[in-house]
N, C-alpha and C. Protein backbone atom coordinates (compact mmCIF):
# COMPACT_ATOMS: atom_id res chain seq x y z
N UNK A 1 2.32 9.67 -10.73
CA UNK A 1 2.20 8.39 -10.08
C UNK A 1 0.92 8.36 -9.23
N UNK A 2 0.21 7.25 -9.30
CA UNK A 2 -1.03 7.09 -8.52
C UNK A 2 -0.70 6.92 -7.04
N UNK A 3 -1.61 7.37 -6.18
CA UNK A 3 -1.40 7.14 -4.74
C UNK A 3 -1.33 5.63 -4.45
N UNK A 4 -0.54 5.27 -3.46
CA UNK A 4 -0.38 3.87 -3.09
C UNK A 4 -1.60 3.41 -2.30
N UNK A 5 -2.37 2.43 -2.82
CA UNK A 5 -3.58 2.00 -2.12
C UNK A 5 -3.29 1.33 -0.78
N UNK A 6 -2.09 0.78 -0.61
CA UNK A 6 -1.73 0.17 0.68
C UNK A 6 -1.68 1.25 1.76
N UNK A 7 -1.01 2.36 1.44
CA UNK A 7 -0.92 3.48 2.39
C UNK A 7 -2.29 4.12 2.61
N UNK A 8 -3.05 4.29 1.54
CA UNK A 8 -4.38 4.88 1.67
C UNK A 8 -5.27 4.05 2.59
N UNK A 9 -5.19 2.73 2.47
CA UNK A 9 -5.99 1.84 3.31
C UNK A 9 -5.62 1.96 4.78
N UNK A 10 -4.32 1.96 5.07
CA UNK A 10 -3.86 2.08 6.47
C UNK A 10 -4.32 3.41 7.07
N UNK A 11 -4.14 4.49 6.32
CA UNK A 11 -4.54 5.81 6.82
C UNK A 11 -6.05 5.90 7.03
N UNK A 12 -6.82 5.28 6.15
CA UNK A 12 -8.28 5.28 6.30
C UNK A 12 -8.69 4.48 7.53
N UNK A 13 -7.99 3.38 7.80
CA UNK A 13 -8.29 2.58 8.99
C UNK A 13 -8.04 3.39 10.26
N UNK A 14 -6.92 4.10 10.30
CA UNK A 14 -6.62 4.97 11.45
C UNK A 14 -7.73 6.01 11.62
N UNK A 15 -8.06 6.69 10.55
CA UNK A 15 -9.07 7.75 10.62
C UNK A 15 -10.43 7.20 11.05
N UNK A 16 -10.79 6.03 10.53
CA UNK A 16 -12.08 5.45 10.89
C UNK A 16 -12.14 5.07 12.37
N UNK A 17 -11.06 4.50 12.90
CA UNK A 17 -11.04 4.13 14.31
C UNK A 17 -11.09 5.36 15.22
N UNK A 18 -10.67 6.51 14.71
CA UNK A 18 -10.77 7.74 15.49
C UNK A 18 -12.22 8.17 15.72
N UNK A 19 -13.14 7.54 15.02
CA UNK A 19 -14.57 7.86 15.21
C UNK A 19 -15.15 7.18 16.45
N UNK A 20 -14.38 6.31 17.11
CA UNK A 20 -14.88 5.62 18.30
C UNK A 20 -14.89 6.60 19.48
N UNK A 21 -16.01 7.28 19.61
CA UNK A 21 -16.20 8.24 20.71
C UNK A 21 -17.65 8.14 21.20
N UNK A 22 -17.85 8.54 22.44
CA UNK A 22 -19.21 8.54 22.99
C UNK A 22 -20.13 9.45 22.17
N UNK A 23 -19.59 10.53 21.64
CA UNK A 23 -20.38 11.45 20.82
C UNK A 23 -20.92 10.78 19.56
N UNK A 24 -20.23 9.72 19.11
CA UNK A 24 -20.68 8.97 17.93
C UNK A 24 -21.46 7.72 18.29
N UNK A 25 -21.86 7.59 19.56
CA UNK A 25 -22.70 6.47 19.98
C UNK A 25 -21.95 5.26 20.51
N UNK A 26 -20.65 5.35 20.67
CA UNK A 26 -19.88 4.24 21.22
C UNK A 26 -19.84 4.33 22.75
N UNK A 27 -19.37 3.27 23.39
CA UNK A 27 -19.29 3.24 24.85
C UNK A 27 -18.04 3.91 25.40
N UNK A 28 -17.00 4.02 24.57
CA UNK A 28 -15.72 4.56 25.02
C UNK A 28 -15.31 5.75 24.15
N UNK A 29 -14.27 6.42 24.58
CA UNK A 29 -13.65 7.49 23.79
C UNK A 29 -12.27 7.08 23.31
N UNK A 30 -12.09 5.79 23.04
CA UNK A 30 -10.78 5.29 22.62
C UNK A 30 -10.32 5.93 21.31
N UNK A 31 -11.24 6.41 20.50
CA UNK A 31 -10.88 7.05 19.24
C UNK A 31 -10.09 8.33 19.40
N UNK A 32 -10.08 8.89 20.60
CA UNK A 32 -9.29 10.10 20.84
C UNK A 32 -7.80 9.81 20.88
N UNK A 33 -7.42 8.54 20.97
CA UNK A 33 -6.00 8.18 21.07
C UNK A 33 -5.73 6.95 20.21
N UNK A 34 -5.63 7.15 18.90
CA UNK A 34 -5.33 6.08 17.96
C UNK A 34 -3.92 6.30 17.43
N UNK A 35 -3.09 5.28 17.56
CA UNK A 35 -1.68 5.36 17.16
C UNK A 35 -1.35 4.20 16.24
N UNK A 36 -0.23 4.30 15.54
CA UNK A 36 0.30 3.19 14.76
C UNK A 36 1.67 2.83 15.33
N UNK A 37 2.06 1.58 15.16
CA UNK A 37 3.36 1.12 15.63
C UNK A 37 3.21 -0.14 16.46
N UNK A 38 4.29 -0.52 17.12
CA UNK A 38 4.28 -1.70 17.99
C UNK A 38 3.68 -1.29 19.32
N UNK A 39 2.66 -1.99 19.76
CA UNK A 39 1.89 -1.58 20.93
C UNK A 39 2.76 -1.39 22.17
N UNK A 40 3.73 -2.26 22.40
CA UNK A 40 4.57 -2.12 23.60
C UNK A 40 5.40 -0.84 23.55
N UNK A 41 5.87 -0.47 22.37
CA UNK A 41 6.63 0.77 22.23
C UNK A 41 5.72 1.99 22.35
N UNK A 42 4.54 1.92 21.76
CA UNK A 42 3.58 3.02 21.86
C UNK A 42 3.19 3.25 23.33
N UNK A 43 3.01 2.16 24.08
CA UNK A 43 2.63 2.28 25.49
C UNK A 43 3.69 2.96 26.34
N UNK A 44 4.94 2.90 25.93
CA UNK A 44 6.00 3.57 26.69
C UNK A 44 5.73 5.07 26.82
N UNK A 45 5.13 5.66 25.79
CA UNK A 45 4.85 7.10 25.84
C UNK A 45 3.37 7.41 26.08
N UNK A 46 2.50 6.43 25.93
CA UNK A 46 1.05 6.68 26.02
C UNK A 46 0.39 6.04 27.24
N UNK A 47 1.16 5.47 28.16
CA UNK A 47 0.59 4.74 29.29
C UNK A 47 -0.35 5.60 30.14
N UNK A 48 -0.13 6.89 30.16
CA UNK A 48 -0.98 7.79 30.94
C UNK A 48 -2.18 8.29 30.14
N UNK A 49 -2.28 7.90 28.87
CA UNK A 49 -3.34 8.41 27.98
C UNK A 49 -4.25 7.28 27.50
N UNK A 50 -4.72 6.46 28.42
CA UNK A 50 -5.57 5.34 28.05
C UNK A 50 -7.03 5.73 28.24
N UNK A 51 -7.96 5.17 27.46
CA UNK A 51 -7.78 4.06 26.54
C UNK A 51 -7.04 4.46 25.27
N UNK A 52 -6.53 3.44 24.61
CA UNK A 52 -5.70 3.62 23.42
C UNK A 52 -6.07 2.54 22.41
N UNK A 53 -6.04 2.90 21.14
CA UNK A 53 -6.12 1.90 20.07
C UNK A 53 -4.83 2.02 19.28
N UNK A 54 -4.15 0.89 19.13
CA UNK A 54 -2.90 0.86 18.39
C UNK A 54 -3.07 -0.05 17.18
N UNK A 55 -2.72 0.47 16.02
CA UNK A 55 -2.77 -0.31 14.79
C UNK A 55 -1.35 -0.76 14.48
N UNK A 56 -1.15 -2.05 14.64
CA UNK A 56 0.17 -2.65 14.49
C UNK A 56 0.15 -3.50 13.22
N UNK A 57 1.19 -3.41 12.41
CA UNK A 57 1.25 -4.21 11.19
C UNK A 57 1.19 -5.68 11.56
N UNK A 58 0.36 -6.41 10.86
CA UNK A 58 0.21 -7.85 11.08
C UNK A 58 0.61 -8.61 9.84
N UNK A 59 0.41 -9.89 9.89
CA UNK A 59 0.78 -10.75 8.76
C UNK A 59 -0.28 -10.65 7.66
N UNK A 60 0.20 -10.45 6.44
CA UNK A 60 -0.70 -10.44 5.29
C UNK A 60 -1.14 -11.86 4.96
N UNK A 61 -2.24 -11.98 4.24
CA UNK A 61 -2.63 -13.26 3.66
C UNK A 61 -2.06 -13.34 2.25
N UNK A 62 -2.03 -14.53 1.69
CA UNK A 62 -1.51 -14.72 0.34
C UNK A 62 -2.34 -13.93 -0.66
N UNK A 63 -1.69 -13.11 -1.50
CA UNK A 63 -2.44 -12.35 -2.51
C UNK A 63 -3.10 -13.28 -3.53
N UNK A 64 -4.17 -12.78 -4.13
CA UNK A 64 -4.87 -13.53 -5.18
C UNK A 64 -4.73 -12.77 -6.49
N UNK A 65 -4.39 -13.50 -7.56
CA UNK A 65 -4.28 -12.82 -8.85
C UNK A 65 -5.65 -12.34 -9.33
N UNK A 66 -5.61 -11.22 -10.02
CA UNK A 66 -6.82 -10.68 -10.61
C UNK A 66 -6.49 -10.15 -11.99
N UNK A 67 -7.47 -9.63 -12.69
CA UNK A 67 -7.19 -9.08 -14.01
C UNK A 67 -6.32 -7.83 -13.89
N UNK A 68 -5.17 -7.85 -14.52
CA UNK A 68 -4.28 -6.69 -14.56
C UNK A 68 -3.69 -6.31 -13.20
N UNK A 69 -3.59 -7.27 -12.29
CA UNK A 69 -3.01 -6.98 -10.98
C UNK A 69 -3.32 -8.10 -10.01
N UNK A 70 -3.50 -7.73 -8.75
CA UNK A 70 -3.82 -8.72 -7.74
C UNK A 70 -4.56 -8.08 -6.58
N UNK A 71 -5.11 -8.93 -5.73
CA UNK A 71 -5.73 -8.46 -4.50
C UNK A 71 -4.80 -8.82 -3.36
N UNK A 72 -4.34 -7.81 -2.65
CA UNK A 72 -3.45 -7.97 -1.49
C UNK A 72 -4.32 -7.88 -0.25
N UNK A 73 -4.09 -8.78 0.68
CA UNK A 73 -4.82 -8.78 1.95
C UNK A 73 -3.89 -8.25 3.03
N UNK A 74 -3.89 -6.93 3.20
CA UNK A 74 -2.99 -6.25 4.13
C UNK A 74 -3.43 -6.52 5.56
N UNK A 75 -2.54 -7.15 6.34
CA UNK A 75 -2.87 -7.54 7.70
C UNK A 75 -2.48 -6.51 8.74
N UNK A 76 -3.36 -6.34 9.72
CA UNK A 76 -3.11 -5.45 10.85
C UNK A 76 -3.65 -6.09 12.12
N UNK A 77 -2.98 -5.83 13.22
CA UNK A 77 -3.51 -6.16 14.54
C UNK A 77 -4.01 -4.85 15.13
N UNK A 78 -5.31 -4.79 15.37
CA UNK A 78 -5.89 -3.61 16.00
C UNK A 78 -5.99 -3.94 17.49
N UNK A 79 -5.21 -3.22 18.30
CA UNK A 79 -5.09 -3.54 19.72
C UNK A 79 -5.68 -2.40 20.55
N UNK A 80 -6.68 -2.74 21.34
CA UNK A 80 -7.25 -1.78 22.28
C UNK A 80 -6.65 -2.01 23.66
N UNK A 81 -6.32 -0.93 24.34
CA UNK A 81 -5.67 -1.02 25.66
C UNK A 81 -6.40 -0.11 26.64
N UNK A 82 -6.66 -0.65 27.84
CA UNK A 82 -7.24 0.14 28.92
C UNK A 82 -6.37 0.01 30.16
N UNK A 83 -6.43 1.00 31.02
CA UNK A 83 -5.80 0.90 32.34
C UNK A 83 -6.69 -0.02 33.17
N UNK A 84 -6.07 -0.99 33.87
CA UNK A 84 -6.89 -1.98 34.54
C UNK A 84 -6.25 -2.49 35.82
N UNK A 85 -7.06 -2.58 36.88
CA UNK A 85 -6.59 -3.28 38.07
C UNK A 85 -6.63 -4.79 37.80
N UNK A 86 -6.15 -5.57 38.73
CA UNK A 86 -6.14 -7.02 38.52
C UNK A 86 -7.53 -7.64 38.57
N UNK A 87 -8.49 -6.92 39.13
CA UNK A 87 -9.87 -7.42 39.18
C UNK A 87 -10.81 -6.33 38.69
N UNK A 88 -12.00 -6.74 38.34
CA UNK A 88 -13.06 -5.81 37.92
C UNK A 88 -12.70 -4.96 36.70
N UNK A 89 -11.98 -5.52 35.76
CA UNK A 89 -11.64 -4.81 34.53
C UNK A 89 -12.46 -5.32 33.35
N UNK A 90 -13.14 -6.46 33.55
CA UNK A 90 -13.76 -7.17 32.43
C UNK A 90 -14.80 -6.33 31.68
N UNK A 91 -15.65 -5.60 32.40
CA UNK A 91 -16.67 -4.79 31.72
C UNK A 91 -16.03 -3.72 30.84
N UNK A 92 -14.96 -3.11 31.34
CA UNK A 92 -14.31 -2.04 30.57
C UNK A 92 -13.66 -2.58 29.30
N UNK A 93 -13.00 -3.73 29.38
CA UNK A 93 -12.36 -4.28 28.17
C UNK A 93 -13.43 -4.83 27.22
N UNK A 94 -14.54 -5.35 27.77
CA UNK A 94 -15.65 -5.78 26.92
C UNK A 94 -16.25 -4.60 26.16
N UNK A 95 -16.38 -3.45 26.83
CA UNK A 95 -16.90 -2.25 26.15
C UNK A 95 -15.99 -1.84 25.00
N UNK A 96 -14.68 -1.86 25.24
CA UNK A 96 -13.75 -1.47 24.18
C UNK A 96 -13.78 -2.48 23.03
N UNK A 97 -13.85 -3.78 23.36
CA UNK A 97 -13.93 -4.80 22.31
C UNK A 97 -15.19 -4.59 21.46
N UNK A 98 -16.31 -4.35 22.11
CA UNK A 98 -17.56 -4.12 21.38
C UNK A 98 -17.44 -2.91 20.46
N UNK A 99 -16.89 -1.82 20.98
CA UNK A 99 -16.73 -0.61 20.16
C UNK A 99 -15.86 -0.88 18.94
N UNK A 100 -14.75 -1.58 19.14
CA UNK A 100 -13.85 -1.87 18.02
C UNK A 100 -14.53 -2.77 17.00
N UNK A 101 -15.25 -3.79 17.48
CA UNK A 101 -15.95 -4.68 16.54
C UNK A 101 -17.03 -3.94 15.76
N UNK A 102 -17.77 -3.07 16.43
CA UNK A 102 -18.80 -2.29 15.73
C UNK A 102 -18.18 -1.42 14.64
N UNK A 103 -17.05 -0.80 14.96
CA UNK A 103 -16.39 0.07 13.98
C UNK A 103 -15.81 -0.73 12.81
N UNK A 104 -15.30 -1.91 13.10
CA UNK A 104 -14.61 -2.69 12.06
C UNK A 104 -15.53 -3.59 11.26
N UNK A 105 -16.69 -3.94 11.80
CA UNK A 105 -17.56 -4.91 11.15
C UNK A 105 -18.04 -4.42 9.80
N UNK A 106 -17.84 -5.26 8.78
CA UNK A 106 -18.31 -4.87 7.45
C UNK A 106 -19.83 -4.97 7.35
N UNK A 107 -20.39 -4.13 6.52
CA UNK A 107 -21.80 -4.22 6.19
C UNK A 107 -21.93 -5.26 5.08
N UNK A 108 -22.78 -6.22 5.27
CA UNK A 108 -22.90 -7.33 4.33
C UNK A 108 -23.23 -6.83 2.93
N UNK A 109 -22.38 -7.22 1.98
CA UNK A 109 -22.62 -6.93 0.58
C UNK A 109 -22.37 -5.51 0.13
N UNK A 110 -21.81 -4.67 1.00
CA UNK A 110 -21.59 -3.27 0.62
C UNK A 110 -20.17 -2.85 0.96
N UNK A 111 -19.61 -2.00 0.10
CA UNK A 111 -18.29 -1.43 0.40
C UNK A 111 -18.48 -0.42 1.53
N UNK A 112 -17.55 -0.41 2.46
CA UNK A 112 -17.64 0.49 3.60
C UNK A 112 -17.39 1.93 3.15
N UNK A 113 -18.18 2.86 3.65
CA UNK A 113 -18.04 4.26 3.25
C UNK A 113 -16.68 4.84 3.62
N UNK A 114 -16.07 4.33 4.66
CA UNK A 114 -14.79 4.89 5.12
C UNK A 114 -13.60 4.40 4.29
N UNK A 115 -13.82 3.40 3.45
CA UNK A 115 -12.72 2.83 2.67
C UNK A 115 -12.47 3.64 1.40
N UNK A 116 -11.21 3.95 1.12
CA UNK A 116 -10.90 4.68 -0.11
C UNK A 116 -11.04 3.77 -1.34
N UNK A 117 -11.06 4.38 -2.51
CA UNK A 117 -11.06 3.62 -3.75
C UNK A 117 -9.83 2.73 -3.76
N UNK A 118 -9.99 1.48 -4.14
CA UNK A 118 -8.89 0.53 -4.16
C UNK A 118 -8.94 -0.44 -2.99
N UNK A 119 -9.71 -0.12 -1.96
CA UNK A 119 -9.93 -1.04 -0.85
C UNK A 119 -11.35 -1.56 -1.01
N UNK A 120 -11.47 -2.86 -1.24
CA UNK A 120 -12.78 -3.41 -1.57
C UNK A 120 -13.48 -4.09 -0.41
N UNK A 121 -12.78 -4.28 0.69
CA UNK A 121 -13.43 -4.93 1.83
C UNK A 121 -12.47 -5.11 2.99
N UNK A 122 -13.01 -5.69 4.05
CA UNK A 122 -12.23 -5.97 5.26
C UNK A 122 -12.67 -7.33 5.80
N UNK A 123 -11.71 -8.10 6.27
CA UNK A 123 -11.99 -9.34 6.98
C UNK A 123 -11.59 -9.12 8.43
N UNK A 124 -12.51 -9.40 9.34
CA UNK A 124 -12.27 -9.21 10.76
C UNK A 124 -12.12 -10.58 11.40
N UNK A 125 -11.00 -10.80 12.08
CA UNK A 125 -10.74 -12.07 12.74
C UNK A 125 -11.29 -12.11 14.16
N UNK A 126 -11.04 -13.24 14.82
CA UNK A 126 -11.53 -13.45 16.18
C UNK A 126 -10.76 -12.61 17.19
N UNK A 127 -11.46 -11.87 18.04
CA UNK A 127 -10.78 -11.07 19.07
C UNK A 127 -10.15 -11.96 20.14
N UNK A 128 -9.07 -11.45 20.73
CA UNK A 128 -8.43 -12.10 21.87
C UNK A 128 -8.24 -11.07 22.96
N UNK A 129 -8.67 -11.39 24.18
CA UNK A 129 -8.45 -10.49 25.31
C UNK A 129 -7.26 -10.96 26.14
N UNK A 130 -6.51 -9.99 26.66
CA UNK A 130 -5.36 -10.26 27.51
C UNK A 130 -5.55 -9.50 28.82
N UNK A 131 -5.68 -10.21 29.94
CA UNK A 131 -5.92 -9.54 31.22
C UNK A 131 -4.65 -8.89 31.76
N UNK A 132 -4.82 -8.00 32.74
CA UNK A 132 -3.64 -7.42 33.38
C UNK A 132 -2.92 -8.50 34.19
N UNK A 133 -1.66 -8.30 34.43
CA UNK A 133 -0.90 -9.25 35.23
C UNK A 133 0.57 -9.15 34.92
N UNK A 134 1.37 -9.87 35.66
CA UNK A 134 2.83 -9.88 35.51
C UNK A 134 3.39 -8.46 35.51
N UNK A 135 2.86 -7.64 36.41
CA UNK A 135 3.35 -6.27 36.54
C UNK A 135 2.79 -5.29 35.52
N UNK A 136 1.95 -5.76 34.63
CA UNK A 136 1.38 -4.89 33.58
C UNK A 136 -0.01 -4.43 34.02
N UNK A 137 -0.21 -3.12 34.26
CA UNK A 137 -1.50 -2.62 34.75
C UNK A 137 -2.49 -2.29 33.63
N UNK A 138 -2.43 -3.03 32.54
CA UNK A 138 -3.36 -2.79 31.44
C UNK A 138 -4.02 -4.09 31.02
N UNK A 139 -5.21 -3.96 30.45
CA UNK A 139 -5.87 -5.08 29.78
C UNK A 139 -5.94 -4.72 28.31
N UNK A 140 -5.86 -5.75 27.47
CA UNK A 140 -5.82 -5.51 26.02
C UNK A 140 -6.79 -6.42 25.30
N UNK A 141 -7.23 -5.95 24.15
CA UNK A 141 -7.98 -6.79 23.23
C UNK A 141 -7.36 -6.61 21.85
N UNK A 142 -7.07 -7.72 21.19
CA UNK A 142 -6.45 -7.70 19.86
C UNK A 142 -7.45 -8.25 18.85
N UNK A 143 -7.66 -7.51 17.79
CA UNK A 143 -8.54 -7.95 16.70
C UNK A 143 -7.73 -7.93 15.41
N UNK A 144 -7.50 -9.11 14.81
CA UNK A 144 -6.79 -9.12 13.53
C UNK A 144 -7.74 -8.72 12.39
N UNK A 145 -7.24 -7.90 11.49
CA UNK A 145 -8.04 -7.50 10.32
C UNK A 145 -7.17 -7.58 9.07
N UNK A 146 -7.84 -7.76 7.95
CA UNK A 146 -7.17 -7.73 6.64
C UNK A 146 -7.97 -6.82 5.72
N UNK A 147 -7.30 -5.81 5.19
CA UNK A 147 -7.92 -4.94 4.19
C UNK A 147 -7.71 -5.55 2.82
N UNK A 148 -8.75 -5.64 2.03
CA UNK A 148 -8.68 -6.20 0.68
C UNK A 148 -8.29 -5.06 -0.27
N UNK A 149 -7.06 -5.09 -0.72
CA UNK A 149 -6.48 -3.98 -1.47
C UNK A 149 -6.20 -4.38 -2.91
N UNK A 150 -6.73 -3.63 -3.85
CA UNK A 150 -6.47 -3.90 -5.27
C UNK A 150 -5.15 -3.25 -5.66
N UNK A 151 -4.24 -4.06 -6.17
CA UNK A 151 -2.95 -3.58 -6.67
C UNK A 151 -2.98 -3.75 -8.18
N UNK A 152 -2.97 -2.63 -8.89
CA UNK A 152 -3.06 -2.67 -10.36
C UNK A 152 -1.74 -2.25 -10.99
N UNK A 153 -1.54 -2.70 -12.19
CA UNK A 153 -0.35 -2.31 -12.96
C UNK A 153 -0.49 -0.89 -13.44
């Protein structure tokens, strides 16, 4: 049986986001703590280990038929989390947003080197920032992404 391209894509996304470190030219070391799951549940055990990037399953887009299969648009919410006071957190969350966008941004007209065979591209949606408040000492940025996954018979 062939490896499942859906699983391969998710695992490659996790591994690629782990490259977000100062040693690789980014502003943060959020890549040292990349997790999968529901961000609120992950934070229960990781609140002391911020910054954090959590890859949470998101809504897929409608698949498109192709020859001998289809293209599935696997949706994920990539959520960056920092420890933040109620004020003066903006620069830190902006740095994390920039790092995540740089890592996720596709190169125009080229397949990304980090993508396994069967993943033909990525669509990056508009980021949303969430400030600290209501007793929550973290700031978050959510970036929706869709991996273009070929599903063949």
